[in-house]
């Protein structure tokens, strides 16, 4: 249990220090995965595939930003509790 908490704390610390990098990487992986998925569907136009990929990546980015906000809130709450 202590090892899991330590791993969670190290991930949380990294995300707090690299928020924009985390969101950017999630966006890039989201759009790459969505393009790869959409390219496997032959009955769609290329423009529609790109639009769908962009929409999926935007949704993933919003989720990542919400996650970063939760991490920031948790970090602020814990730092105030320590004081």
N, C-alpha and C. Protein backbone atom coordinates (compact mmCIF):
# COMPACT_ATOMS: atom_id res chain seq x y z
N UNK A 1 0.82 -1.19 0.00
CA UNK A 1 0.00 0.00 0.00
C UNK A 1 0.87 1.26 0.00
N UNK A 2 1.96 1.24 0.78
CA UNK A 2 2.84 2.40 0.83
C UNK A 2 3.52 2.63 -0.51
N UNK A 3 3.85 1.54 -1.22
CA UNK A 3 4.49 1.66 -2.53
C UNK A 3 3.54 2.30 -3.53
N UNK A 4 2.26 1.94 -3.47
CA UNK A 4 1.27 2.53 -4.38
C UNK A 4 1.11 4.02 -4.11
N UNK A 5 1.11 4.39 -2.83
CA UNK A 5 0.99 5.81 -2.49
C UNK A 5 2.22 6.58 -2.95
N UNK A 6 3.38 6.00 -2.79
CA UNK A 6 4.60 6.65 -3.24
C UNK A 6 4.58 6.85 -4.75
N UNK A 7 4.13 5.85 -5.49
CA UNK A 7 4.04 5.97 -6.94
C UNK A 7 3.03 7.04 -7.33
N UNK A 8 1.88 7.06 -6.66
CA UNK A 8 0.87 8.08 -6.92
C UNK A 8 1.43 9.47 -6.64
N UNK A 9 2.14 9.62 -5.53
CA UNK A 9 2.71 10.91 -5.18
C UNK A 9 3.75 11.36 -6.20
N UNK A 10 4.55 10.42 -6.70
CA UNK A 10 5.56 10.81 -7.69
C UNK A 10 4.91 11.21 -9.01
N UNK A 11 3.85 10.51 -9.41
CA UNK A 11 3.12 10.89 -10.64
C UNK A 11 2.45 12.24 -10.45
N UNK A 12 1.82 12.44 -9.29
CA UNK A 12 1.15 13.71 -9.00
C UNK A 12 2.14 14.86 -9.03
N UNK A 13 3.31 14.65 -8.43
CA UNK A 13 4.33 15.70 -8.41
C UNK A 13 4.80 16.04 -9.82
N UNK A 14 4.99 15.00 -10.65
CA UNK A 14 5.43 15.25 -12.02
C UNK A 14 4.37 16.03 -12.80
N UNK A 15 3.10 15.65 -12.63
CA UNK A 15 2.01 16.34 -13.34
C UNK A 15 1.92 17.79 -12.89
N UNK A 16 2.07 18.04 -11.59
CA UNK A 16 2.03 19.42 -11.08
C UNK A 16 3.16 20.25 -11.69
N UNK A 17 4.34 19.66 -11.82
CA UNK A 17 5.49 20.39 -12.36
C UNK A 17 5.44 20.54 -13.88
N UNK A 18 4.73 19.65 -14.59
CA UNK A 18 4.71 19.66 -16.05
C UNK A 18 3.28 19.62 -16.59
N UNK A 19 2.45 20.55 -16.15
CA UNK A 19 1.04 20.54 -16.55
C UNK A 19 0.86 20.67 -18.06
N UNK A 20 1.49 21.65 -18.64
CA UNK A 20 1.31 21.89 -20.08
C UNK A 20 1.88 20.74 -20.91
N UNK A 21 3.00 20.19 -20.49
CA UNK A 21 3.57 19.05 -21.20
C UNK A 21 2.63 17.85 -21.13
N UNK A 22 2.02 17.63 -19.97
CA UNK A 22 1.08 16.52 -19.81
C UNK A 22 -0.12 16.69 -20.73
N UNK A 23 -0.71 17.88 -20.74
CA UNK A 23 -1.87 18.13 -21.59
C UNK A 23 -1.48 18.02 -23.06
N UNK A 24 -0.33 18.56 -23.43
CA UNK A 24 0.12 18.48 -24.82
C UNK A 24 0.36 17.05 -25.28
N UNK A 25 0.97 16.27 -24.42
CA UNK A 25 1.21 14.85 -24.77
C UNK A 25 -0.10 14.08 -24.90
N UNK A 26 -1.05 14.36 -24.01
CA UNK A 26 -2.35 13.71 -24.12
C UNK A 26 -3.06 14.12 -25.41
N UNK A 27 -2.96 15.40 -25.76
CA UNK A 27 -3.59 15.87 -26.99
C UNK A 27 -2.96 15.18 -28.20
N UNK A 28 -1.63 15.14 -28.22
CA UNK A 28 -0.94 14.52 -29.35
C UNK A 28 -1.27 13.03 -29.46
N UNK A 29 -1.26 12.33 -28.35
CA UNK A 29 -1.60 10.91 -28.41
C UNK A 29 -3.07 10.71 -28.77
N UNK A 30 -3.94 11.59 -28.33
CA UNK A 30 -5.36 11.49 -28.67
C UNK A 30 -5.61 11.70 -30.15
N UNK A 31 -4.99 12.71 -30.73
CA UNK A 31 -5.21 12.96 -32.15
C UNK A 31 -4.56 11.87 -33.00
N UNK A 32 -3.40 11.37 -32.57
CA UNK A 32 -2.75 10.29 -33.30
C UNK A 32 -3.58 9.02 -33.26
N UNK A 33 -4.07 8.66 -32.10
CA UNK A 33 -4.91 7.48 -31.97
C UNK A 33 -6.22 7.60 -32.73
N UNK A 34 -6.81 8.78 -32.69
CA UNK A 34 -8.07 8.99 -33.40
C UNK A 34 -7.87 8.94 -34.91
N UNK A 35 -6.79 9.52 -35.41
CA UNK A 35 -6.52 9.46 -36.85
C UNK A 35 -6.28 8.01 -37.26
N UNK A 36 -5.53 7.27 -36.44
CA UNK A 36 -5.28 5.86 -36.76
C UNK A 36 -6.59 5.07 -36.79
N UNK A 37 -7.47 5.34 -35.84
CA UNK A 37 -8.76 4.65 -35.81
C UNK A 37 -9.62 5.04 -37.01
N UNK A 38 -9.69 6.32 -37.29
CA UNK A 38 -10.54 6.79 -38.39
C UNK A 38 -10.02 6.33 -39.75
N UNK A 39 -8.71 6.18 -39.89
CA UNK A 39 -8.16 5.73 -41.17
C UNK A 39 -8.52 4.26 -41.45
N UNK A 40 -8.89 3.54 -40.41
CA UNK A 40 -9.29 2.14 -40.62
C UNK A 40 -10.74 2.04 -41.10
N UNK A 41 -11.42 3.15 -41.18
CA UNK A 41 -12.81 3.18 -41.64
C UNK A 41 -12.84 3.73 -43.07
N UNK A 42 -12.93 2.86 -44.06
CA UNK A 42 -12.75 3.28 -45.46
C UNK A 42 -13.93 4.06 -46.05
N UNK A 43 -15.08 4.04 -45.45
CA UNK A 43 -16.24 4.68 -46.06
C UNK A 43 -16.42 6.14 -45.65
N UNK A 44 -15.38 6.78 -45.08
CA UNK A 44 -15.46 8.18 -44.69
C UNK A 44 -14.52 9.01 -45.55
N UNK A 45 -14.92 10.26 -45.80
CA UNK A 45 -14.05 11.20 -46.50
C UNK A 45 -12.86 11.56 -45.61
N UNK A 46 -11.76 11.94 -46.23
CA UNK A 46 -10.57 12.33 -45.48
C UNK A 46 -10.85 13.54 -44.59
N UNK A 47 -11.61 14.50 -45.09
CA UNK A 47 -11.91 15.69 -44.28
C UNK A 47 -12.72 15.33 -43.04
N UNK A 48 -13.64 14.39 -43.17
CA UNK A 48 -14.45 13.96 -42.03
C UNK A 48 -13.56 13.22 -41.02
N UNK A 49 -12.63 12.42 -41.51
CA UNK A 49 -11.70 11.71 -40.62
C UNK A 49 -10.89 12.70 -39.79
N UNK A 50 -10.40 13.75 -40.44
CA UNK A 50 -9.59 14.75 -39.75
C UNK A 50 -10.44 15.53 -38.73
N UNK A 51 -11.65 15.87 -39.11
CA UNK A 51 -12.55 16.59 -38.20
C UNK A 51 -12.86 15.73 -36.97
N UNK A 52 -13.15 14.46 -37.18
CA UNK A 52 -13.43 13.56 -36.06
C UNK A 52 -12.21 13.42 -35.16
N UNK A 53 -11.03 13.32 -35.75
CA UNK A 53 -9.81 13.21 -34.96
C UNK A 53 -9.61 14.46 -34.11
N UNK A 54 -9.86 15.61 -34.70
CA UNK A 54 -9.71 16.87 -33.95
C UNK A 54 -10.71 16.96 -32.81
N UNK A 55 -11.95 16.55 -33.06
CA UNK A 55 -12.97 16.59 -32.01
C UNK A 55 -12.63 15.62 -30.87
N UNK A 56 -12.15 14.43 -31.21
CA UNK A 56 -11.75 13.49 -30.17
C UNK A 56 -10.59 14.04 -29.35
N UNK A 57 -9.63 14.65 -30.03
CA UNK A 57 -8.48 15.21 -29.33
C UNK A 57 -8.90 16.38 -28.44
N UNK A 58 -9.85 17.19 -28.89
CA UNK A 58 -10.34 18.29 -28.06
C UNK A 58 -11.03 17.77 -26.81
N UNK A 59 -11.82 16.73 -26.96
CA UNK A 59 -12.51 16.15 -25.80
C UNK A 59 -11.48 15.59 -24.81
N UNK A 60 -10.46 14.92 -25.32
CA UNK A 60 -9.41 14.39 -24.46
C UNK A 60 -8.66 15.52 -23.77
N UNK A 61 -8.42 16.61 -24.48
CA UNK A 61 -7.73 17.76 -23.89
C UNK A 61 -8.56 18.38 -22.77
N UNK A 62 -9.86 18.51 -22.99
CA UNK A 62 -10.72 19.04 -21.92
C UNK A 62 -10.67 18.14 -20.69
N UNK A 63 -10.69 16.84 -20.92
CA UNK A 63 -10.56 15.91 -19.81
C UNK A 63 -9.22 16.05 -19.09
N UNK A 64 -8.16 16.23 -19.86
CA UNK A 64 -6.83 16.40 -19.27
C UNK A 64 -6.74 17.70 -18.48
N UNK A 65 -7.34 18.76 -19.00
CA UNK A 65 -7.34 20.03 -18.28
C UNK A 65 -8.14 19.92 -16.98
N UNK A 66 -9.26 19.20 -17.03
CA UNK A 66 -10.05 18.98 -15.82
C UNK A 66 -9.24 18.16 -14.82
N UNK A 67 -8.53 17.15 -15.30
CA UNK A 67 -7.68 16.35 -14.43
C UNK A 67 -6.56 17.19 -13.82
N UNK A 68 -5.96 18.06 -14.62
CA UNK A 68 -4.90 18.94 -14.10
C UNK A 68 -5.45 19.89 -13.05
N UNK A 69 -6.69 20.37 -13.26
CA UNK A 69 -7.32 21.25 -12.27
C UNK A 69 -7.57 20.50 -10.96
N UNK A 70 -7.99 19.25 -11.06
CA UNK A 70 -8.21 18.45 -9.85
C UNK A 70 -6.89 18.22 -9.11
N UNK A 71 -5.84 17.91 -9.86
CA UNK A 71 -4.53 17.72 -9.24
C UNK A 71 -4.06 19.00 -8.57
N UNK A 72 -4.26 20.14 -9.22
CA UNK A 72 -3.87 21.43 -8.65
C UNK A 72 -4.67 21.72 -7.37
N UNK A 73 -5.96 21.45 -7.41
CA UNK A 73 -6.81 21.64 -6.23
C UNK A 73 -6.32 20.75 -5.09
N UNK A 74 -6.07 19.50 -5.39
CA UNK A 74 -5.60 18.54 -4.39
C UNK A 74 -4.26 19.00 -3.82
N UNK A 75 -3.38 19.48 -4.68
CA UNK A 75 -2.06 19.94 -4.23
C UNK A 75 -2.18 21.15 -3.32
N UNK A 76 -3.03 22.10 -3.69
CA UNK A 76 -3.24 23.29 -2.84
C UNK A 76 -3.87 22.92 -1.51
N UNK A 77 -4.84 22.02 -1.55
CA UNK A 77 -5.53 21.60 -0.33
C UNK A 77 -4.55 20.90 0.62
N UNK A 78 -3.69 20.03 0.06
CA UNK A 78 -2.73 19.31 0.90
C UNK A 78 -1.64 20.26 1.45
N UNK A 79 -1.24 21.23 0.66
CA UNK A 79 -0.19 22.16 1.14
C UNK A 79 -0.75 23.06 2.25
N UNK A 80 -2.03 23.43 2.16
CA UNK A 80 -2.64 24.23 3.24
C UNK A 80 -2.84 23.39 4.49
N UNK A 81 -3.12 22.11 4.33
CA UNK A 81 -3.32 21.23 5.49
C UNK A 81 -2.00 21.01 6.22
N UNK A 82 -0.88 21.07 5.52
CA UNK A 82 0.43 20.87 6.14
C UNK A 82 0.86 22.09 6.96
N UNK A 83 0.31 23.26 6.61
CA UNK A 83 0.74 24.50 7.29
C UNK A 83 0.07 24.68 8.61
